[in-house]
């Protein structure tokens, strides 16, 4: 299990400039989603639940709960680079549903969701980079002192 976690969340062998790029993308997109979408949905959950779309046919409130989780917890995890690929996966799912099932297009109202989707897909593939908590916890040089031989 520990090996699988390390493999999934290890930052990769990126150069420092590449990891700086991942840091910028994580923080920029994470804060944008959290501040512009997630916190509002969390604060006004009951108001949103009455008019939230249900493209997955699981109910408006459960769907809103999943979206709110992605846009708050997922976005916050991205900012810190903790479980980056998991966080990005929640947001990729959120935005893919928004683009292809709610807006039904990558143009017009769906254009911003489509742009977010591209950034989160890149983070899902690339991970958090060396300058992330994933790098500290799961990276080659990031072993905790008690784990060093």
C-alpha atoms as a PDB file:
ATOM      1  CA  UNK A   1       0.000   0.000   0.000  1.00  0.00           C
ATOM      2  CA  UNK A   2       2.810   2.395   0.925  1.00  0.00           C
ATOM      3  CA  UNK A   3       4.589   1.654  -2.376  1.00  0.00           C
ATOM      4  CA  UNK A   4       1.380   2.301  -4.339  1.00  0.00           C
ATOM      5  CA  UNK A   5       0.806   5.630  -2.561  1.00  0.00           C
ATOM      6  CA  UNK A   6       4.396   6.691  -3.214  1.00  0.00           C
ATOM      7  CA  UNK A   7       4.133   5.793  -6.901  1.00  0.00           C
ATOM      8  CA  UNK A   8       0.822   7.572  -7.342  1.00  0.00           C
ATOM      9  CA  UNK A   9       1.834  10.798  -5.612  1.00  0.00           C
ATOM     10  CA  UNK A  10       5.602  10.982  -6.241  1.00  0.00           C
ATOM     11  CA  UNK A  11       6.486  14.275  -7.910  1.00  0.00           C
ATOM     12  CA  UNK A  12       8.433  12.773 -10.813  1.00  0.00           C
ATOM     13  CA  UNK A  13      11.839  13.756 -12.128  1.00  0.00           C
ATOM     14  CA  UNK A  14      10.934  17.258 -13.266  1.00  0.00           C
ATOM     15  CA  UNK A  15      13.518  20.021 -13.428  1.00  0.00           C
ATOM     16  CA  UNK A  16      13.236  22.922 -10.990  1.00  0.00           C
ATOM     17  CA  UNK A  17      11.735  25.250 -13.664  1.00  0.00           C
ATOM     18  CA  UNK A  18       9.170  22.595 -14.612  1.00  0.00           C
ATOM     19  CA  UNK A  19       8.244  22.079 -10.958  1.00  0.00           C
ATOM     20  CA  UNK A  20       7.939  25.847 -10.596  1.00  0.00           C
ATOM     21  CA  UNK A  21       5.493  25.764 -13.508  1.00  0.00           C
ATOM     22  CA  UNK A  22       3.471  23.024 -11.802  1.00  0.00           C
ATOM     23  CA  UNK A  23       3.478  25.110  -8.602  1.00  0.00           C
ATOM     24  CA  UNK A  24       2.177  28.162 -10.454  1.00  0.00           C
ATOM     25  CA  UNK A  25      -0.529  26.152 -12.224  1.00  0.00           C
ATOM     26  CA  UNK A  26      -1.612  24.390  -9.004  1.00  0.00           C
ATOM     27  CA  UNK A  27      -1.836  27.552  -6.924  1.00  0.00           C
ATOM     28  CA  UNK A  28      -3.404  29.669  -9.688  1.00  0.00           C
ATOM     29  CA  UNK A  29      -6.107  27.192 -10.689  1.00  0.00           C
ATOM     30  CA  UNK A  30      -6.642  25.932  -7.138  1.00  0.00           C
ATOM     31  CA  UNK A  31      -7.214  29.388  -5.674  1.00  0.00           C
ATOM     32  CA  UNK A  32      -9.318  30.506  -8.641  1.00  0.00           C
ATOM     33  CA  UNK A  33     -11.644  27.523  -8.246  1.00  0.00           C
ATOM     34  CA  UNK A  34     -11.761  27.710  -4.448  1.00  0.00           C
ATOM     35  CA  UNK A  35     -12.356  31.459  -4.226  1.00  0.00           C
ATOM     36  CA  UNK A  36     -14.603  31.934  -7.268  1.00  0.00           C
ATOM     37  CA  UNK A  37     -16.702  28.778  -7.100  1.00  0.00           C
ATOM     38  CA  UNK A  38     -16.107  26.462  -4.124  1.00  0.00           C
ATOM     39  CA  UNK A  39     -16.569  28.797  -1.171  1.00  0.00           C
ATOM     40  CA  UNK A  40     -19.748  30.267  -2.669  1.00  0.00           C
ATOM     41  CA  UNK A  41     -21.269  26.804  -3.161  1.00  0.00           C
ATOM     42  CA  UNK A  42     -20.284  25.818   0.372  1.00  0.00           C
ATOM     43  CA  UNK A  43     -21.711  29.007   1.899  1.00  0.00           C
ATOM     44  CA  UNK A  44     -24.969  28.871  -0.086  1.00  0.00           C
ATOM     45  CA  UNK A  45     -25.381  25.116  -0.404  1.00  0.00           C
ATOM     46  CA  UNK A  46     -29.126  25.008   0.336  1.00  0.00           C
ATOM     47  CA  UNK A  47     -29.875  27.813  -2.101  1.00  0.00           C
ATOM     48  CA  UNK A  48     -27.877  26.089  -4.859  1.00  0.00           C
ATOM     49  CA  UNK A  49     -29.477  22.700  -4.118  1.00  0.00           C
ATOM     50  CA  UNK A  50     -32.892  23.951  -5.211  1.00  0.00           C
ATOM     51  CA  UNK A  51     -31.680  24.876  -8.716  1.00  0.00           C
ATOM     52  CA  UNK A  52     -28.590  22.744  -9.290  1.00  0.00           C
ATOM     53  CA  UNK A  53     -28.565  20.645 -12.496  1.00  0.00           C
ATOM     54  CA  UNK A  54     -28.683  16.858 -12.171  1.00  0.00           C
ATOM     55  CA  UNK A  55     -27.035  15.480 -15.331  1.00  0.00           C
ATOM     56  CA  UNK A  56     -25.907  12.254 -13.594  1.00  0.00           C
ATOM     57  CA  UNK A  57     -29.418  11.537 -12.223  1.00  0.00           C
ATOM     58  CA  UNK A  58     -28.206  11.095  -8.638  1.00  0.00           C
ATOM     59  CA  UNK A  59     -30.213  14.013  -7.272  1.00  0.00           C
ATOM     60  CA  UNK A  60     -29.404  17.712  -7.159  1.00  0.00           C
ATOM     61  CA  UNK A  61     -28.151  17.732  -3.543  1.00  0.00           C
ATOM     62  CA  UNK A  62     -25.797  14.724  -3.887  1.00  0.00           C
ATOM     63  CA  UNK A  63     -24.477  16.109  -7.189  1.00  0.00           C
ATOM     64  CA  UNK A  64     -23.953  19.503  -5.606  1.00  0.00           C
ATOM     65  CA  UNK A  65     -22.190  17.803  -2.693  1.00  0.00           C
ATOM     66  CA  UNK A  66     -19.720  16.127  -5.056  1.00  0.00           C
ATOM     67  CA  UNK A  67     -19.139  19.374  -6.963  1.00  0.00           C
ATOM     68  CA  UNK A  68     -18.696  21.319  -3.718  1.00  0.00           C
ATOM     69  CA  UNK A  69     -16.198  18.726  -2.471  1.00  0.00           C
ATOM     70  CA  UNK A  70     -14.179  18.984  -5.685  1.00  0.00           C
ATOM     71  CA  UNK A  71     -14.291  22.779  -5.782  1.00  0.00           C
ATOM     72  CA  UNK A  72     -13.352  23.257  -2.109  1.00  0.00           C
ATOM     73  CA  UNK A  73     -11.380  20.250  -0.813  1.00  0.00           C
ATOM     74  CA  UNK A  74      -9.961  19.339  -4.229  1.00  0.00           C
ATOM     75  CA  UNK A  75      -8.965  22.927  -4.954  1.00  0.00           C
ATOM     76  CA  UNK A  76      -7.398  23.377  -1.496  1.00  0.00           C
ATOM     77  CA  UNK A  77      -5.423  20.138  -1.860  1.00  0.00           C
ATOM     78  CA  UNK A  78      -4.124  21.419  -5.202  1.00  0.00           C
ATOM     79  CA  UNK A  79      -2.939  24.687  -3.679  1.00  0.00           C
ATOM     80  CA  UNK A  80      -0.794  22.757  -1.203  1.00  0.00           C
ATOM     81  CA  UNK A  81       0.155  20.046  -3.658  1.00  0.00           C
ATOM     82  CA  UNK A  82      -1.180  17.335  -1.368  1.00  0.00           C
ATOM     83  CA  UNK A  83      -2.590  14.241  -3.114  1.00  0.00           C
ATOM     84  CA  UNK A  84      -2.383  16.327  -6.270  1.00  0.00           C
ATOM     85  CA  UNK A  85      -3.459  13.651  -8.719  1.00  0.00           C
ATOM     86  CA  UNK A  86      -6.488  12.716  -6.596  1.00  0.00           C
ATOM     87  CA  UNK A  87      -7.453  16.383  -6.241  1.00  0.00           C
ATOM     88  CA  UNK A  88      -7.006  16.961  -9.966  1.00  0.00           C
ATOM     89  CA  UNK A  89      -9.095  13.856 -10.730  1.00  0.00           C
ATOM     90  CA  UNK A  90     -12.024  15.226  -8.691  1.00  0.00           C
ATOM     91  CA  UNK A  91     -11.799  18.509 -10.583  1.00  0.00           C
ATOM     92  CA  UNK A  92     -11.377  16.842 -13.997  1.00  0.00           C
ATOM     93  CA  UNK A  93     -14.545  14.861 -13.309  1.00  0.00           C
ATOM     94  CA  UNK A  94     -16.378  17.987 -12.102  1.00  0.00           C
ATOM     95  CA  UNK A  95     -15.372  20.034 -15.142  1.00  0.00           C
ATOM     96  CA  UNK A  96     -15.889  17.228 -17.673  1.00  0.00           C
ATOM     97  CA  UNK A  97     -19.489  16.890 -16.472  1.00  0.00           C
ATOM     98  CA  UNK A  98     -19.895  20.681 -16.612  1.00  0.00           C
ATOM     99  CA  UNK A  99     -18.512  20.958 -20.154  1.00  0.00           C
ATOM    100  CA  UNK A 100     -19.976  17.887 -21.809  1.00  0.00           C
ATOM    101  CA  UNK A 101     -23.218  17.281 -19.912  1.00  0.00           C
ATOM    102  CA  UNK A 102     -24.345  20.639 -18.515  1.00  0.00           C
ATOM    103  CA  UNK A 103     -23.065  23.209 -21.017  1.00  0.00           C
ATOM    104  CA  UNK A 104     -22.865  20.585 -23.813  1.00  0.00           C
ATOM    105  CA  UNK A 105     -20.141  22.626 -25.463  1.00  0.00           C
ATOM    106  CA  UNK A 106     -16.645  24.014 -25.022  1.00  0.00           C
ATOM    107  CA  UNK A 107     -17.825  27.362 -26.357  1.00  0.00           C
ATOM    108  CA  UNK A 108     -20.108  30.017 -24.899  1.00  0.00           C
ATOM    109  CA  UNK A 109     -20.936  29.304 -21.251  1.00  0.00           C
ATOM    110  CA  UNK A 110     -18.795  26.166 -21.265  1.00  0.00           C
ATOM    111  CA  UNK A 111     -15.597  27.871 -22.416  1.00  0.00           C
ATOM    112  CA  UNK A 112     -14.266  28.732 -18.939  1.00  0.00           C
ATOM    113  CA  UNK A 113     -15.042  25.235 -17.678  1.00  0.00           C
ATOM    114  CA  UNK A 114     -13.185  23.851 -20.717  1.00  0.00           C
ATOM    115  CA  UNK A 115     -10.093  25.950 -19.903  1.00  0.00           C
ATOM    116  CA  UNK A 116     -10.160  24.828 -16.257  1.00  0.00           C
ATOM    117  CA  UNK A 117     -10.542  21.234 -17.465  1.00  0.00           C
ATOM    118  CA  UNK A 118      -7.344  21.509 -19.530  1.00  0.00           C
ATOM    119  CA  UNK A 119      -5.335  22.779 -16.555  1.00  0.00           C
ATOM    120  CA  UNK A 120      -6.647  20.116 -14.202  1.00  0.00           C
ATOM    121  CA  UNK A 121      -6.017  17.386 -16.801  1.00  0.00           C
ATOM    122  CA  UNK A 122      -2.397  18.576 -17.065  1.00  0.00           C
ATOM    123  CA  UNK A 123      -2.052  18.399 -13.267  1.00  0.00           C
ATOM    124  CA  UNK A 124      -3.623  14.936 -13.216  1.00  0.00           C
ATOM    125  CA  UNK A 125      -0.971  13.733 -15.655  1.00  0.00           C
ATOM    126  CA  UNK A 126       1.994  15.758 -14.359  1.00  0.00           C
ATOM    127  CA  UNK A 127       1.364  15.677 -10.624  1.00  0.00           C
ATOM    128  CA  UNK A 128       2.290  18.378  -8.147  1.00  0.00           C
ATOM    129  CA  UNK A 129       5.979  18.734  -8.942  1.00  0.00           C
ATOM    130  CA  UNK A 130       8.880  18.913  -6.522  1.00  0.00           C
ATOM    131  CA  UNK A 131       7.559  22.053  -4.813  1.00  0.00           C
ATOM    132  CA  UNK A 132       4.540  20.348  -3.282  1.00  0.00           C
ATOM    133  CA  UNK A 133       3.617  18.445  -0.141  1.00  0.00           C
ATOM    134  CA  UNK A 134       3.532  15.370  -2.375  1.00  0.00           C
ATOM    135  CA  UNK A 135       7.223  16.040  -3.047  1.00  0.00           C
ATOM    136  CA  UNK A 136       7.929  16.243   0.675  1.00  0.00           C
ATOM    137  CA  UNK A 137       5.899  13.176   1.624  1.00  0.00           C
ATOM    138  CA  UNK A 138       6.395  10.907  -1.370  1.00  0.00           C
ATOM    139  CA  UNK A 139       9.435  12.245  -3.261  1.00  0.00           C
ATOM    140  CA  UNK A 140      12.864  10.653  -3.330  1.00  0.00           C
ATOM    141  CA  UNK A 141      14.478  13.408  -1.280  1.00  0.00           C
ATOM    142  CA  UNK A 142      11.416  13.942   0.861  1.00  0.00           C
ATOM    143  CA  UNK A 143      11.569  10.957   3.167  1.00  0.00           C
ATOM    144  CA  UNK A 144      11.003  11.791   6.773  1.00  0.00           C
ATOM    145  CA  UNK A 145      14.120  11.503   8.964  1.00  0.00           C
ATOM    146  CA  UNK A 146      12.913   8.322  10.699  1.00  0.00           C
ATOM    147  CA  UNK A 147      12.582   6.605   7.298  1.00  0.00           C
ATOM    148  CA  UNK A 148      16.173   7.311   6.203  1.00  0.00           C
ATOM    149  CA  UNK A 149      18.660   4.498   6.353  1.00  0.00           C
END
